[in-house]
Amino acid sequence: MSAYDDLMARERETQALAQVAGRLGWDQETMMPRGAADQRAEESGAMQAVLHARRVDPARGALLDEAEGEATAPVAR
């Protein structure tokens, strides 16, 4: 698998987690039961921490650099 493929798989997973975070927010605004605010805040905070860690992970930058190198490498004939 190429670095680009690895990067795209990682980004798809990060986007899926962001969708989950969005649903937590939607649920909080529309269906959250009374008394659940503290738990929901903890869940939302944990999800945001995971997303932040993925977005600033040096491995992401390394994959970007490697994928860029693949894109500029000459094509073998």
Foldseek 3Di string as FASTA:
>chain_A
DALVVVLVVLVVVLVVLVVVLVVLVVCVVPPDDPPCVVVSVVVSVVSVVVSVCSVPPVVSVVSVVRVVVVVPDDDDD
